[in-house]
Protein backbone atom coordinates (compact mmCIF):
# COMPACT_ATOMS: atom_id res chain seq x y z
CA MET A 1 -0.15 -65.12 -9.64
CA TYR A 2 -2.79 -66.24 -7.18
CA HIS A 3 -1.96 -68.71 -4.41
CA LYS A 4 -4.15 -71.03 -2.35
CA PHE A 5 -5.12 -69.87 1.10
CA THR A 6 -7.27 -70.65 4.11
CA LYS A 7 -10.61 -68.96 4.64
CA HIS A 8 -10.65 -65.47 6.07
CA LYS A 9 -11.56 -65.37 9.74
CA PRO A 10 -14.84 -63.49 10.21
CA ASN A 11 -13.64 -61.68 13.34
CA MET A 12 -10.59 -60.22 11.57
CA LEU A 13 -10.74 -56.99 9.56
CA PRO A 14 -9.81 -57.78 5.94
CA HIS A 15 -6.64 -56.01 4.87
CA PHE A 16 -5.46 -55.77 1.26
CA LEU A 17 -1.92 -54.62 0.61
CA LEU A 18 -1.23 -53.25 -2.89
CA VAL A 19 2.44 -52.85 -3.79
CA THR A 20 3.65 -51.15 -6.95
CA TYR A 21 6.84 -50.06 -8.69
CA PRO A 22 7.67 -46.35 -8.22
CA LEU A 23 6.71 -45.12 -11.70
CA GLN A 24 3.86 -42.72 -12.47
CA GLY A 25 2.30 -45.19 -14.89
CA HIS A 26 2.26 -47.90 -12.22
CA ILE A 27 1.19 -45.71 -9.31
CA ASN A 28 -1.94 -44.19 -10.86
CA PRO A 29 -3.89 -47.38 -11.71
CA THR A 30 -2.77 -49.07 -8.49
CA ILE A 31 -4.07 -46.15 -6.42
CA GLN A 32 -7.38 -46.42 -8.26
CA LEU A 33 -7.59 -50.18 -7.63
CA ALA A 34 -6.83 -49.61 -3.95
CA LYS A 35 -9.58 -47.01 -3.74
CA ARG A 36 -12.11 -49.25 -5.48
CA ILE A 37 -11.39 -52.17 -3.17
CA ALA A 38 -11.82 -49.84 -0.20
CA ASP A 39 -15.06 -48.49 -1.70
CA THR A 40 -16.63 -51.83 -2.58
CA SER A 41 -15.73 -53.97 0.43
CA ALA A 42 -15.59 -53.78 4.19
CA ALA A 43 -11.82 -53.88 4.09
CA HIS A 44 -8.80 -51.80 4.91
CA VAL A 45 -6.37 -51.17 2.04
CA THR A 46 -2.71 -50.17 2.25
CA PHE A 47 -1.00 -48.72 -0.81
CA VAL A 48 2.74 -49.48 -0.86
CA THR A 49 5.61 -48.13 -2.94
CA THR A 50 9.12 -46.90 -2.20
CA ALA A 51 9.80 -44.27 0.42
CA THR A 52 11.39 -42.03 -2.21
CA ALA A 53 8.26 -42.11 -4.37
CA LEU A 54 5.90 -41.59 -1.43
CA ARG A 55 7.78 -38.44 -0.44
CA ARG A 56 7.33 -37.05 -3.97
CA ILE A 57 3.69 -37.97 -4.53
CA ASN A 58 1.23 -35.11 -4.49
CA TYR A 59 -1.95 -36.64 -3.11
CA ASN A 60 -5.18 -34.80 -3.76
CA HIS A 61 -7.58 -37.21 -2.13
CA HIS A 62 -8.29 -38.86 1.21
CA HIS A 63 -10.12 -42.07 2.02
CA PRO A 64 -10.96 -43.34 5.52
CA PHE A 65 -10.04 -46.95 4.70
CA LEU A 66 -7.02 -46.29 2.47
CA THR A 67 -3.57 -45.67 3.96
CA HIS A 68 -0.03 -45.65 2.61
CA ALA A 69 3.19 -47.37 3.62
CA ALA A 70 6.75 -47.36 2.31
CA ILE A 71 9.33 -49.98 1.44
CA LEU A 72 13.03 -49.38 0.86
CA ASP A 73 14.58 -49.42 -2.61
CA GLY A 74 18.19 -50.12 -1.63
CA TYR A 75 19.47 -46.65 -2.41
CA ASP A 76 20.50 -43.88 -0.09
CA GLU A 77 19.90 -40.61 -1.93
CA ASN A 78 23.26 -39.37 -0.64
CA ASP A 79 25.24 -42.52 -1.42
CA ALA A 80 27.69 -41.66 -4.21
CA ASN A 81 28.91 -45.27 -4.34
CA THR A 82 25.73 -46.39 -6.10
CA ALA A 83 25.66 -43.60 -8.69
CA SER A 84 27.53 -45.68 -11.29
CA ASP A 85 25.32 -48.77 -11.00
CA THR A 86 24.06 -50.15 -14.29
CA PRO A 87 20.30 -50.57 -14.79
CA ALA A 88 20.68 -54.30 -14.14
CA GLN A 89 22.60 -53.65 -10.91
CA LYS A 90 19.97 -51.15 -9.82
CA MET A 91 17.20 -53.67 -10.38
CA ILE A 92 19.03 -56.38 -8.43
CA ARG A 93 19.67 -53.99 -5.55
CA PHE A 94 16.04 -52.87 -5.64
CA ASP A 95 14.67 -56.43 -5.65
CA LEU A 96 16.80 -57.50 -2.68
CA ALA A 97 16.08 -54.44 -0.56
CA ALA A 98 12.40 -54.10 -1.44
CA SER A 99 11.54 -57.77 -0.89
CA LYS A 100 13.21 -57.73 2.53
CA SER A 101 11.48 -54.46 3.38
CA LEU A 102 8.08 -55.80 2.28
CA LEU A 103 8.51 -58.87 4.49
CA GLU A 104 9.33 -56.63 7.45
CA LEU A 105 6.36 -54.37 6.69
CA VAL A 106 3.85 -57.23 6.58
CA ASN A 107 5.20 -58.65 9.84
CA SER A 108 5.05 -55.20 11.43
CA LEU A 109 1.43 -54.72 10.36
CA SER A 110 0.58 -58.09 11.88
CA ASP A 111 2.25 -57.10 15.15
CA GLN A 112 0.10 -53.93 15.14
CA GLY A 113 -3.07 -56.01 14.92
CA ARG A 114 -3.56 -55.31 11.20
CA PRO A 115 -2.60 -58.62 9.55
CA VAL A 116 -2.55 -58.63 5.76
CA THR A 117 -5.27 -60.74 4.13
CA CYS A 118 -4.00 -60.51 0.54
CA ILE A 119 -1.05 -58.98 -1.34
CA ILE A 120 -1.67 -57.57 -4.83
CA TYR A 121 1.45 -56.62 -6.78
CA THR A 122 2.21 -55.09 -10.18
CA LEU A 123 4.76 -55.47 -12.97
CA LEU A 124 8.44 -55.95 -12.05
CA LEU A 125 7.58 -57.11 -8.52
CA SER A 126 7.28 -60.90 -8.85
CA TRP A 127 9.25 -61.29 -5.62
CA ALA A 128 6.16 -59.99 -3.78
CA ALA A 129 4.50 -63.33 -4.53
CA ASP A 130 7.45 -65.11 -2.90
CA VAL A 131 7.06 -62.95 0.21
CA ALA A 132 3.34 -63.73 0.31
CA CYS A 133 3.97 -67.45 -0.12
CA GLN A 134 6.60 -67.39 2.63
CA LEU A 135 4.05 -65.85 4.98
CA GLY A 136 1.13 -68.03 3.88
CA ILE A 137 -0.79 -65.05 2.48
CA PRO A 138 -2.73 -65.16 -0.82
CA SER A 139 -1.41 -62.98 -3.62
CA ALA A 140 -2.46 -61.85 -7.08
CA VAL A 141 -0.80 -59.83 -9.83
CA PHE A 142 -2.35 -56.64 -11.18
CA TRP A 143 -1.47 -56.47 -14.90
CA LEU A 144 -1.00 -52.86 -16.01
CA GLN A 145 -0.86 -53.48 -19.75
CA PRO A 146 -3.55 -54.79 -22.11
CA ALA A 147 -4.57 -58.41 -21.79
CA ALA A 148 -3.36 -58.84 -25.38
CA VAL A 149 0.29 -58.63 -24.30
CA PHE A 150 0.02 -60.71 -21.12
CA SER A 151 2.70 -63.41 -21.18
CA PHE A 152 4.53 -65.77 -18.84
CA LYS A 153 7.29 -68.38 -19.03
CA THR A 154 5.79 -71.01 -16.74
CA ILE A 155 2.71 -71.61 -14.62
CA ASP A 156 3.52 -73.11 -11.23
CA ILE A 157 -0.04 -73.23 -9.90
CA SER A 158 -3.40 -74.33 -11.22
CA LYS A 159 -5.23 -71.71 -13.30
CA PRO A 160 -3.85 -68.54 -11.63
CA LYS A 161 -5.93 -65.39 -11.38
CA VAL A 162 -4.67 -62.12 -12.84
CA LEU A 163 -6.38 -58.76 -12.35
CA VAL A 164 -6.14 -56.72 -15.56
CA ASN A 165 -6.63 -53.00 -16.13
CA THR A 166 -9.06 -53.61 -18.98
CA PHE A 167 -12.73 -54.47 -19.43
CA ASN A 168 -14.30 -57.42 -21.17
CA ALA A 169 -16.03 -55.48 -23.93
CA LEU A 170 -12.64 -54.08 -24.97
CA GLU A 171 -10.70 -57.36 -25.10
CA SER A 172 -13.33 -60.11 -24.97
CA ASP A 173 -11.59 -62.37 -27.52
CA VAL A 174 -8.28 -62.20 -25.65
CA MET A 175 -9.93 -62.90 -22.30
CA LYS A 176 -11.74 -65.93 -23.70
CA SER A 177 -8.64 -67.29 -25.43
CA MET A 178 -6.79 -67.54 -22.11
CA ASP A 179 -9.59 -69.37 -20.32
CA GLY A 180 -8.42 -72.74 -19.04
CA VAL A 181 -4.81 -71.57 -18.78
CA VAL A 182 -5.04 -68.45 -16.65
CA GLU A 183 -8.05 -66.51 -15.40
CA LEU A 184 -7.79 -62.93 -16.58
CA ILE A 185 -10.14 -60.75 -14.55
CA GLY A 186 -11.00 -57.43 -16.17
CA VAL A 187 -11.42 -54.86 -13.39
CA GLY A 188 -10.82 -51.70 -15.42
CA PRO A 189 -10.71 -49.14 -16.71
CA MET A 190 -8.80 -47.89 -13.67
CA VAL A 191 -9.43 -44.19 -14.04
CA PRO A 192 -10.85 -41.94 -11.31
CA ALA A 193 -14.55 -41.18 -11.21
CA ASP A 194 -13.53 -37.74 -9.96
CA LYS A 195 -11.25 -36.47 -12.75
CA THR A 196 -9.24 -34.34 -10.30
CA VAL A 197 -8.34 -37.32 -8.09
CA GLY A 198 -4.90 -38.87 -8.49
CA ALA A 199 -1.37 -39.16 -7.18
CA ASP A 200 1.33 -37.34 -9.15
CA LEU A 201 5.09 -37.72 -8.88
CA PHE A 202 5.43 -34.43 -10.75
CA ASP A 203 4.50 -30.91 -9.72
CA GLY A 204 1.70 -29.27 -11.66
CA ASP A 205 2.53 -26.47 -14.07
CA VAL A 206 2.16 -22.90 -12.83
CA LYS A 207 0.52 -21.88 -16.10
CA ASP A 208 -3.26 -21.69 -15.97
CA TYR A 209 -3.92 -24.20 -18.73
CA LYS A 210 -7.48 -24.79 -17.49
CA LYS A 211 -8.38 -21.15 -18.05
CA TRP A 212 -6.74 -21.36 -21.47
CA LEU A 213 -8.81 -24.44 -22.35
CA ASP A 214 -11.99 -22.76 -21.13
CA ALA A 215 -11.53 -20.08 -23.80
CA LYS A 216 -11.34 -22.59 -26.67
CA PRO A 217 -14.29 -23.90 -28.73
CA PRO A 218 -15.62 -27.43 -28.07
CA ARG A 219 -13.51 -30.27 -29.51
CA SER A 220 -11.01 -27.86 -31.07
CA VAL A 221 -7.83 -28.49 -29.05
CA VAL A 222 -5.15 -31.10 -29.72
CA TYR A 223 -3.77 -32.44 -26.42
CA VAL A 224 -0.19 -33.72 -26.81
CA SER A 225 1.63 -35.87 -24.27
CA PHE A 226 4.13 -38.71 -24.54
CA GLY A 227 4.16 -39.96 -20.97
CA THR A 228 6.77 -39.84 -18.24
CA LEU A 229 9.54 -42.09 -19.60
CA ALA A 230 10.06 -41.63 -23.34
CA LEU A 231 12.47 -38.96 -24.56
CA LEU A 232 11.70 -38.13 -28.18
CA GLN A 233 14.58 -37.66 -30.59
CA LYS A 234 15.28 -34.14 -31.79
CA ARG A 235 13.96 -34.77 -35.31
CA GLN A 236 10.65 -36.07 -33.96
CA LEU A 237 10.25 -33.00 -31.74
CA GLU A 238 10.87 -30.77 -34.73
CA GLU A 239 8.28 -32.61 -36.82
CA ILE A 240 5.68 -32.44 -34.05
CA THR A 241 6.31 -28.70 -33.65
CA LYS A 242 6.00 -28.14 -37.39
CA GLY A 243 2.92 -30.33 -37.70
CA LEU A 244 1.10 -28.63 -34.85
CA MET A 245 1.89 -25.15 -36.15
CA GLU A 246 0.90 -25.93 -39.73
CA SER A 247 -2.27 -27.76 -38.71
CA GLY A 248 -3.84 -24.47 -37.66
CA ARG A 249 -5.41 -26.13 -34.61
CA PRO A 250 -4.94 -24.94 -31.00
CA PHE A 251 -2.96 -27.35 -28.85
CA LEU A 252 -1.86 -28.05 -25.30
CA TRP A 253 1.51 -29.81 -25.23
CA VAL A 254 2.97 -31.46 -22.12
CA LEU A 255 6.74 -31.25 -22.58
CA ARG A 256 8.60 -32.51 -19.52
CA LYS A 257 11.62 -30.75 -18.09
CA ALA A 258 13.90 -33.67 -18.97
CA GLN A 259 12.84 -33.44 -22.62
CA ARG A 260 13.30 -29.67 -22.68
CA GLU A 261 16.81 -29.97 -21.28
CA ALA A 262 17.73 -32.75 -23.72
CA GLU A 263 16.80 -30.69 -26.79
CA LYS A 264 17.02 -27.06 -25.70
CA ASP A 265 17.11 -25.58 -29.19
CA VAL A 266 13.85 -27.32 -30.11
CA VAL A 267 12.21 -26.24 -26.87
CA ILE A 268 13.08 -22.60 -27.57
CA GLU A 269 11.29 -22.95 -30.89
CA THR A 270 8.20 -24.47 -29.28
CA GLU A 271 7.96 -21.69 -26.73
CA VAL A 272 7.69 -19.12 -29.52
CA ILE A 273 4.22 -20.52 -30.26
CA GLU A 274 2.94 -19.00 -27.01
CA GLY A 275 2.05 -15.37 -26.57
CA GLY A 276 1.12 -14.74 -30.19
CA GLU A 277 -1.95 -12.88 -31.27
CA ASP A 278 -4.13 -15.98 -31.20
CA GLU A 279 -2.22 -17.89 -28.50
CA ARG A 280 -2.69 -20.98 -30.57
CA GLY A 281 -0.52 -23.23 -28.43
CA MET A 282 0.43 -23.70 -24.80
CA VAL A 283 3.40 -25.77 -23.60
CA VAL A 284 3.37 -27.01 -19.99
CA ASP A 285 5.65 -29.14 -17.84
CA TRP A 286 2.86 -31.27 -16.39
CA CYS A 287 -0.90 -31.39 -16.02
CA CYS A 288 -3.70 -33.53 -14.64
CA GLN A 289 -4.30 -35.70 -17.70
CA MET A 290 -7.79 -36.95 -16.87
CA GLU A 291 -8.89 -33.42 -16.07
CA VAL A 292 -7.62 -32.28 -19.47
CA LEU A 293 -9.09 -35.22 -21.41
CA SER A 294 -12.50 -34.63 -19.86
CA HIS A 295 -12.49 -30.94 -20.82
CA PRO A 296 -15.04 -30.16 -23.57
CA SER A 297 -12.47 -28.24 -25.64
CA ILE A 298 -10.33 -31.34 -26.25
CA GLY A 299 -10.89 -32.85 -29.67
CA CYS A 300 -7.91 -35.18 -30.03
CA PHE A 301 -5.11 -36.76 -28.01
CA MET A 302 -1.70 -37.11 -29.69
CA THR A 303 -0.10 -39.83 -27.58
CA HIS A 304 2.64 -42.43 -27.28
CA CYS A 305 -0.16 -44.96 -26.64
CA GLY A 306 1.01 -46.10 -23.23
CA TRP A 307 -1.74 -48.25 -21.75
CA ASN A 308 -2.82 -45.73 -19.13
CA SER A 309 -3.13 -43.00 -21.75
CA THR A 310 -4.97 -45.37 -24.10
CA VAL A 311 -7.47 -46.38 -21.42
CA GLU A 312 -7.93 -42.78 -20.26
CA SER A 313 -8.62 -41.58 -23.80
CA LEU A 314 -11.18 -44.35 -24.34
CA PHE A 315 -12.84 -43.61 -21.00
CA SER A 316 -13.01 -39.92 -21.92
CA GLY A 317 -14.34 -40.52 -25.43
CA VAL A 318 -11.40 -38.66 -27.00
CA PRO A 319 -10.04 -39.97 -30.35
CA THR A 320 -6.28 -40.45 -30.58
CA VAL A 321 -3.37 -39.96 -32.94
CA GLY A 322 -0.84 -42.61 -32.00
CA VAL A 323 2.92 -42.05 -32.13
CA PRO A 324 4.10 -45.19 -30.26
CA GLN A 325 7.67 -45.49 -29.01
CA TRP A 326 8.32 -48.90 -27.38
CA SER A 327 7.05 -51.78 -25.20
CA ASP A 328 3.30 -52.42 -25.61
CA GLN A 329 2.72 -49.06 -27.30
CA PRO A 330 2.86 -50.24 -30.97
CA THR A 331 0.35 -52.99 -30.12
CA ASN A 332 -1.90 -50.51 -28.35
CA ALA A 333 -1.76 -48.12 -31.31
CA LYS A 334 -2.64 -50.90 -33.72
CA MET A 335 -5.64 -51.98 -31.64
CA VAL A 336 -6.86 -48.38 -31.37
CA GLU A 337 -6.87 -48.04 -35.16
CA ASP A 338 -7.65 -51.54 -36.45
CA VAL A 339 -9.73 -53.13 -33.67
CA TRP A 340 -11.49 -50.37 -31.74
CA GLY A 341 -11.60 -47.73 -34.46
CA SER A 342 -11.21 -44.86 -31.98
CA GLY A 343 -8.11 -43.31 -33.50
CA VAL A 344 -5.36 -43.51 -36.09
CA ARG A 345 -1.66 -44.32 -36.00
CA GLY A 346 0.99 -42.12 -37.55
CA ARG A 347 3.12 -43.88 -40.17
CA VAL A 348 6.86 -43.49 -39.73
CA SER A 349 9.18 -42.31 -42.48
CA GLY A 350 12.42 -43.94 -43.56
CA GLU A 351 14.14 -41.98 -40.81
CA ALA A 352 11.92 -43.63 -38.17
CA VAL A 353 9.96 -40.48 -37.36
CA VAL A 354 6.36 -39.45 -37.94
CA GLU A 355 6.75 -36.38 -40.13
CA ALA A 356 4.74 -33.17 -39.91
CA GLU A 357 2.73 -33.88 -43.07
CA GLU A 358 1.69 -37.28 -41.70
CA LEU A 359 0.72 -35.77 -38.35
CA ILE A 360 -1.47 -33.21 -40.10
CA ARG A 361 -3.12 -36.03 -42.07
CA CYS A 362 -3.81 -37.89 -38.82
CA LEU A 363 -5.26 -34.82 -37.12
CA ASP A 364 -7.58 -34.24 -40.07
CA ALA A 365 -8.58 -37.92 -39.98
CA VAL A 366 -9.90 -37.64 -36.42
CA MET A 367 -10.87 -33.97 -36.11
CA GLY A 368 -12.01 -33.11 -39.63
CA GLU A 369 -15.20 -34.01 -41.48
CA GLU A 370 -13.82 -37.44 -42.37
CA GLY A 371 -13.30 -38.22 -38.68
CA GLU A 372 -16.97 -38.48 -37.79
CA GLY A 373 -16.82 -42.29 -37.62
CA VAL A 374 -13.71 -42.26 -35.42
CA ARG A 375 -15.29 -39.75 -33.05
CA ARG A 376 -18.45 -41.83 -32.87
CA LYS A 377 -16.43 -44.95 -32.00
CA ALA A 378 -14.54 -43.07 -29.29
CA GLU A 379 -17.84 -42.02 -27.73
CA GLU A 380 -19.17 -45.59 -27.91
CA TRP A 381 -16.11 -46.86 -26.02
CA ARG A 382 -16.60 -44.17 -23.40
CA GLU A 383 -20.11 -45.48 -22.76
CA LYS A 384 -18.90 -49.08 -22.59
CA GLY A 385 -16.12 -48.16 -20.16
CA LEU A 386 -18.55 -46.30 -17.92
CA GLU A 387 -20.94 -49.26 -18.02
CA ALA A 388 -18.17 -51.67 -16.97
CA VAL A 389 -17.18 -49.82 -13.80
CA ARG A 390 -20.49 -48.46 -12.58
CA GLU A 391 -22.20 -50.35 -9.77
CA GLY A 392 -23.47 -53.62 -11.20
CA GLY A 393 -21.22 -53.39 -14.27
CA LEU A 394 -19.08 -56.37 -15.26
CA SER A 395 -15.75 -54.97 -14.02
CA HIS A 396 -17.42 -53.86 -10.78
CA ARG A 397 -18.89 -57.34 -10.24
CA SER A 398 -15.64 -59.09 -11.19
CA LEU A 399 -13.66 -57.13 -8.61
CA GLY A 400 -16.34 -57.88 -6.02
CA ARG A 401 -16.16 -61.60 -6.74
CA PHE A 402 -12.38 -61.55 -6.44
CA VAL A 403 -12.57 -59.80 -3.07
CA ASP A 404 -15.24 -62.23 -1.87
CA GLU A 405 -13.09 -65.19 -2.85
CA VAL A 406 -10.17 -63.77 -0.91
CA LEU A 407 -12.44 -63.43 2.09
CA GLY A 408 -13.49 -67.05 1.72
CA HIS A 409 -17.08 -66.75 0.59
CA GLU A 410 -19.02 -66.12 -2.60
CA SER A 411 -20.92 -62.97 -3.51
CA GLU A 412 -24.55 -62.84 -2.57
CA GLY A 413 -26.77 -63.68 -5.47
CA GLN A 414 -24.00 -65.28 -7.55
């Protein structure tokens, strides 16, 4: 939430500190928000996550006003005593260690002559607001899911401000419905203007999937990825494999190492699809998703409908086949099909899987002749997303107004 504060001193360099949980789906949009604040304001920005995550991140960009700093997560990588901690115990340990570490970091930055002007934090890090309040620093939350699923138990301040990775054209009704209770500020979509820019916790695949995509006809390839957290059950993997093979369409499938190891017999079967006469399919451990989605050969995205993947597909104008797993994903998949019209959702069978026949139906619905309307909608949303974030667009202006308010003055011309 957003706390009251005194006006920014004009002789002090503004300094935004963005702190996020060490998950790929949290890191990517937060890095993009940090970069946009640095790009659109005369301010220094520090991106903060755990030391363990920072050591693993593969950065492929540099910015003169964007730096990185680490906080502790409460775990020594060599400490066997913490190996048996339950998820709840891990979260408690993390909260205690990370909040203390953040407090020390902010104080250290102040001692270095780089006092923090505002703390922006993401999901699972509500204690960051307590640290900010303790230090008398303004704070705001950056909501990484759609505005449609934003929720809270209590409001302890008057009309708090929440930055949301969405844009008004996409969720205008939701944004309006919350007015008077909480101010949802659409600053998205938080995807890189340069499709190769990002920060990955995973190493890229050694296979040359870009060369493989280059050899495919326009809008012919099915891109398949289910994010970094979900592990699909064996039966679902089998149905996806069968559906992709029987569809007759070329596909690029991101199948993480953890998933391969969990269902080794299924993985062996999927690897047989490579190296055939037509090399119809390619299976990789990891790839740059925005780079793939922006490739002209991609005609469809089979996805778990995590919010980042949903936003990235919309921003790329790629229609989707949704196979949601948990959290906000079923809601996202429903909105894609019923509200935005840019994709379809696979219907589950009595065994709680989307079967091969249904997947083939979905692929035909977005890539076949009957999918012309879906493809047109996907392209329309791409244009609206681009309009929102370009200079002068609504999301661009909204972020600028937020920054100006933090600095204690209003935007020129507002």
